[in-house]
N, C-alpha and C. Protein backbone atom coordinates (compact mmCIF):
# COMPACT_ATOMS: atom_id res chain seq x y z
N MET A 1 111.98 128.70 76.89
CA MET A 1 111.01 129.43 77.67
C MET A 1 110.13 129.37 76.47
N GLU A 2 110.86 130.23 75.53
CA GLU A 2 109.88 130.93 74.60
C GLU A 2 108.38 129.42 73.93
N ALA A 3 109.17 128.69 74.26
CA ALA A 3 108.70 127.34 73.45
C ALA A 3 107.07 127.24 74.33
N TRP A 4 107.86 127.50 75.65
CA TRP A 4 106.20 127.13 77.06
C TRP A 4 104.95 128.88 76.78
N GLU A 5 105.70 129.69 76.52
CA GLU A 5 105.25 130.73 76.53
C GLU A 5 104.48 131.05 74.76
N ALA A 6 104.39 130.63 74.07
CA ALA A 6 103.55 130.24 73.14
C ALA A 6 102.53 128.97 73.36
N LYS A 7 103.15 128.14 73.93
CA LYS A 7 101.91 127.07 73.82
C LYS A 7 100.56 127.52 74.71
N LEU A 8 101.64 128.31 75.86
CA LEU A 8 100.28 129.51 77.01
C LEU A 8 99.33 130.61 76.07
N ALA A 9 100.09 131.15 75.14
CA ALA A 9 99.45 131.95 74.25
C ALA A 9 98.03 130.77 72.99
N THR A 10 98.36 129.76 72.54
CA THR A 10 97.96 128.71 72.32
C THR A 10 96.80 128.51 73.19
N TYR A 11 97.05 128.17 73.80
CA TYR A 11 95.86 127.28 74.86
C TYR A 11 94.69 128.64 75.23
N GLY A 12 95.45 129.84 75.82
CA GLY A 12 94.24 131.00 75.55
C GLY A 12 93.40 131.33 74.47
N THR A 13 93.97 131.62 73.22
CA THR A 13 93.10 130.99 72.08
C THR A 13 92.33 129.95 72.13
N GLU A 14 92.80 128.97 72.06
CA GLU A 14 91.98 127.51 72.16
C GLU A 14 90.91 127.20 73.16
N TYR A 15 91.02 128.15 74.29
CA TYR A 15 89.82 127.67 75.42
C TYR A 15 88.91 128.17 74.95
N MET A 16 88.83 129.83 74.21
CA MET A 16 87.26 130.19 73.65
C MET A 16 87.00 129.81 72.37
N SER A 17 87.58 128.52 71.78
CA SER A 17 86.95 128.01 70.67
C SER A 17 87.17 125.86 70.35
N LEU A 18 87.82 125.84 70.82
CA LEU A 18 87.62 124.20 70.95
C LEU A 18 87.60 124.02 72.66
N GLY A 19 86.76 122.09 72.66
CA GLY A 19 86.02 121.84 73.50
C GLY A 19 86.87 121.92 74.56
N ALA A 20 86.93 121.70 75.51
CA ALA A 20 86.81 122.29 76.71
C ALA A 20 88.01 120.27 77.57
N ALA A 21 87.10 119.43 76.97
CA ALA A 21 87.70 117.55 77.25
C ALA A 21 89.13 117.98 76.70
N ASP A 22 89.73 118.16 75.09
CA ASP A 22 90.90 118.12 74.54
C ASP A 22 91.24 119.19 75.11
N ILE A 23 91.39 120.54 75.27
CA ILE A 23 92.65 121.01 75.71
C ILE A 23 92.52 120.50 77.58
N GLN A 24 91.87 120.13 78.43
CA GLN A 24 91.91 119.48 79.42
C GLN A 24 92.95 118.22 79.27
N ARG A 25 92.98 117.17 78.39
CA ARG A 25 94.37 116.37 78.60
C ARG A 25 95.29 116.99 77.89
N ARG A 26 94.90 117.53 76.99
CA ARG A 26 96.80 118.24 76.69
C ARG A 26 97.10 118.85 77.52
N VAL A 27 96.20 120.13 78.39
CA VAL A 27 96.97 120.40 79.53
C VAL A 27 97.68 119.89 80.39
N SER A 28 96.87 118.50 80.66
CA SER A 28 97.79 117.76 82.14
C SER A 28 98.80 117.04 81.45
N ALA A 29 99.00 116.24 80.80
CA ALA A 29 100.36 116.64 79.65
C ALA A 29 101.39 117.38 79.89
N GLU A 30 100.83 118.08 80.09
CA GLU A 30 102.25 119.23 79.53
C GLU A 30 102.54 120.10 81.26
N LEU A 31 101.59 119.47 82.42
CA LEU A 31 101.82 119.82 83.31
C LEU A 31 102.42 118.87 84.01
N VAL A 32 102.65 117.23 83.41
CA VAL A 32 103.32 116.51 83.79
C VAL A 32 105.10 116.82 83.21
N THR A 33 104.87 117.14 81.53
CA THR A 33 106.50 117.89 81.62
C THR A 33 107.12 119.02 81.93
N VAL A 34 105.60 119.83 82.32
CA VAL A 34 106.54 120.90 83.13
C VAL A 34 107.27 120.84 84.57
N GLN A 35 106.94 119.75 85.15
CA GLN A 35 107.18 119.29 86.08
C GLN A 35 108.50 118.66 86.58
N GLN A 36 108.86 118.27 85.54
CA GLN A 36 110.09 118.06 85.65
C GLN A 36 111.62 118.60 85.96
N PRO A 37 111.62 119.78 84.65
CA PRO A 37 112.75 120.73 85.15
C PRO A 37 112.56 121.25 86.07
N LEU A 38 111.76 122.11 87.18
CA LEU A 38 110.94 122.65 87.94
C LEU A 38 112.53 123.13 88.83
N ASP A 39 113.30 123.22 88.60
CA ASP A 39 114.90 123.81 89.61
C ASP A 39 114.58 125.20 88.03
N ASP A 40 113.88 126.04 87.81
CA ASP A 40 114.36 126.53 86.74
C ASP A 40 112.77 127.26 87.25
N PRO A 41 113.42 128.45 87.71
CA PRO A 41 112.60 128.89 88.35
C PRO A 41 111.58 130.29 87.48
N ARG A 42 112.02 130.23 86.11
CA ARG A 42 111.04 130.77 85.45
C ARG A 42 109.84 129.83 85.16
N LEU A 43 110.16 128.68 84.82
CA LEU A 43 109.07 127.42 84.98
C LEU A 43 108.49 127.52 85.51
N TRP A 44 108.23 128.30 86.75
CA TRP A 44 107.59 128.19 87.82
C TRP A 44 106.09 129.33 87.53
N SER A 45 106.37 129.53 86.74
CA SER A 45 105.27 130.69 86.37
C SER A 45 104.56 130.26 85.30
N VAL A 46 105.18 129.43 84.21
CA VAL A 46 104.81 128.28 83.89
C VAL A 46 103.50 127.27 84.27
N ALA A 47 104.13 126.63 85.39
CA ALA A 47 103.45 125.99 85.73
C ALA A 47 102.08 126.30 86.09
N ALA A 48 102.60 127.16 87.13
CA ALA A 48 101.60 128.07 87.72
C ALA A 48 100.02 128.43 86.72
N ARG A 49 100.82 129.13 85.99
CA ARG A 49 99.57 129.39 84.63
C ARG A 49 98.67 127.73 84.43
N LEU A 50 99.62 126.57 83.66
CA LEU A 50 98.55 125.95 83.39
C LEU A 50 97.70 124.75 84.24
N MET A 51 98.49 125.39 85.55
CA MET A 51 97.17 124.70 86.82
C MET A 51 96.20 125.63 86.82
N THR A 52 96.14 126.99 86.56
CA THR A 52 95.35 127.76 86.64
C THR A 52 94.18 127.84 85.68
N LEU A 53 94.74 127.60 84.66
CA LEU A 53 94.19 126.89 83.12
C LEU A 53 93.08 125.17 83.66
N TYR A 54 94.08 124.53 84.25
CA TYR A 54 93.08 123.31 84.08
C TYR A 54 92.48 123.60 84.87
N ALA A 55 92.15 124.22 86.56
CA ALA A 55 91.15 124.06 87.23
C ALA A 55 89.94 125.51 87.01
N THR A 56 89.83 125.78 85.59
CA THR A 56 89.16 126.33 85.19
C THR A 56 87.94 125.54 84.27
N PHE A 57 88.27 124.17 84.03
CA PHE A 57 87.60 123.32 83.26
C PHE A 57 86.14 123.10 84.23
N PRO A 58 85.04 122.71 83.88
CA PRO A 58 84.52 122.68 83.89
C PRO A 58 84.45 120.96 84.43
N GLY A 59 84.31 120.17 85.42
CA GLY A 59 84.23 118.79 86.31
C GLY A 59 85.82 119.24 87.29
N SER A 60 86.13 120.31 87.38
CA SER A 60 87.81 119.96 87.97
C SER A 60 87.42 120.26 89.51
N ASP A 61 87.68 120.61 90.33
CA ASP A 61 88.52 121.25 91.21
C ASP A 61 89.01 122.06 91.81
N GLY A 62 88.97 123.17 91.31
CA GLY A 62 89.89 124.20 91.40
C GLY A 62 91.04 124.19 92.70
N ALA A 63 90.18 123.82 93.71
CA ALA A 63 90.95 123.61 94.94
C ALA A 63 92.44 122.52 95.45
N LYS A 64 91.57 121.93 94.57
CA LYS A 64 92.56 120.84 94.18
C LYS A 64 93.41 120.69 93.31
N ALA A 65 93.75 121.28 92.18
CA ALA A 65 94.45 121.41 90.87
C ALA A 65 95.44 122.59 91.34
N VAL A 66 94.72 123.22 92.12
CA VAL A 66 96.27 124.52 92.96
C VAL A 66 97.03 123.77 93.48
N HIS A 67 96.17 122.86 94.65
CA HIS A 67 96.94 121.91 95.32
C HIS A 67 98.17 120.97 94.94
């Protein structure tokens, strides 16, 4: 769980300094990974924050990302 929290913190920092396209690809891959073990309720928060981040990228359909 700590590893996921650290990744989220890193994305927060990188969001302001790196290109959106690179981060968007990485967040997409993270979403696929985090969906595997969603039987752990602690990961629901991680998944929700990743989806929210993904929805903010230019060209993303925020409503679709949340669903």
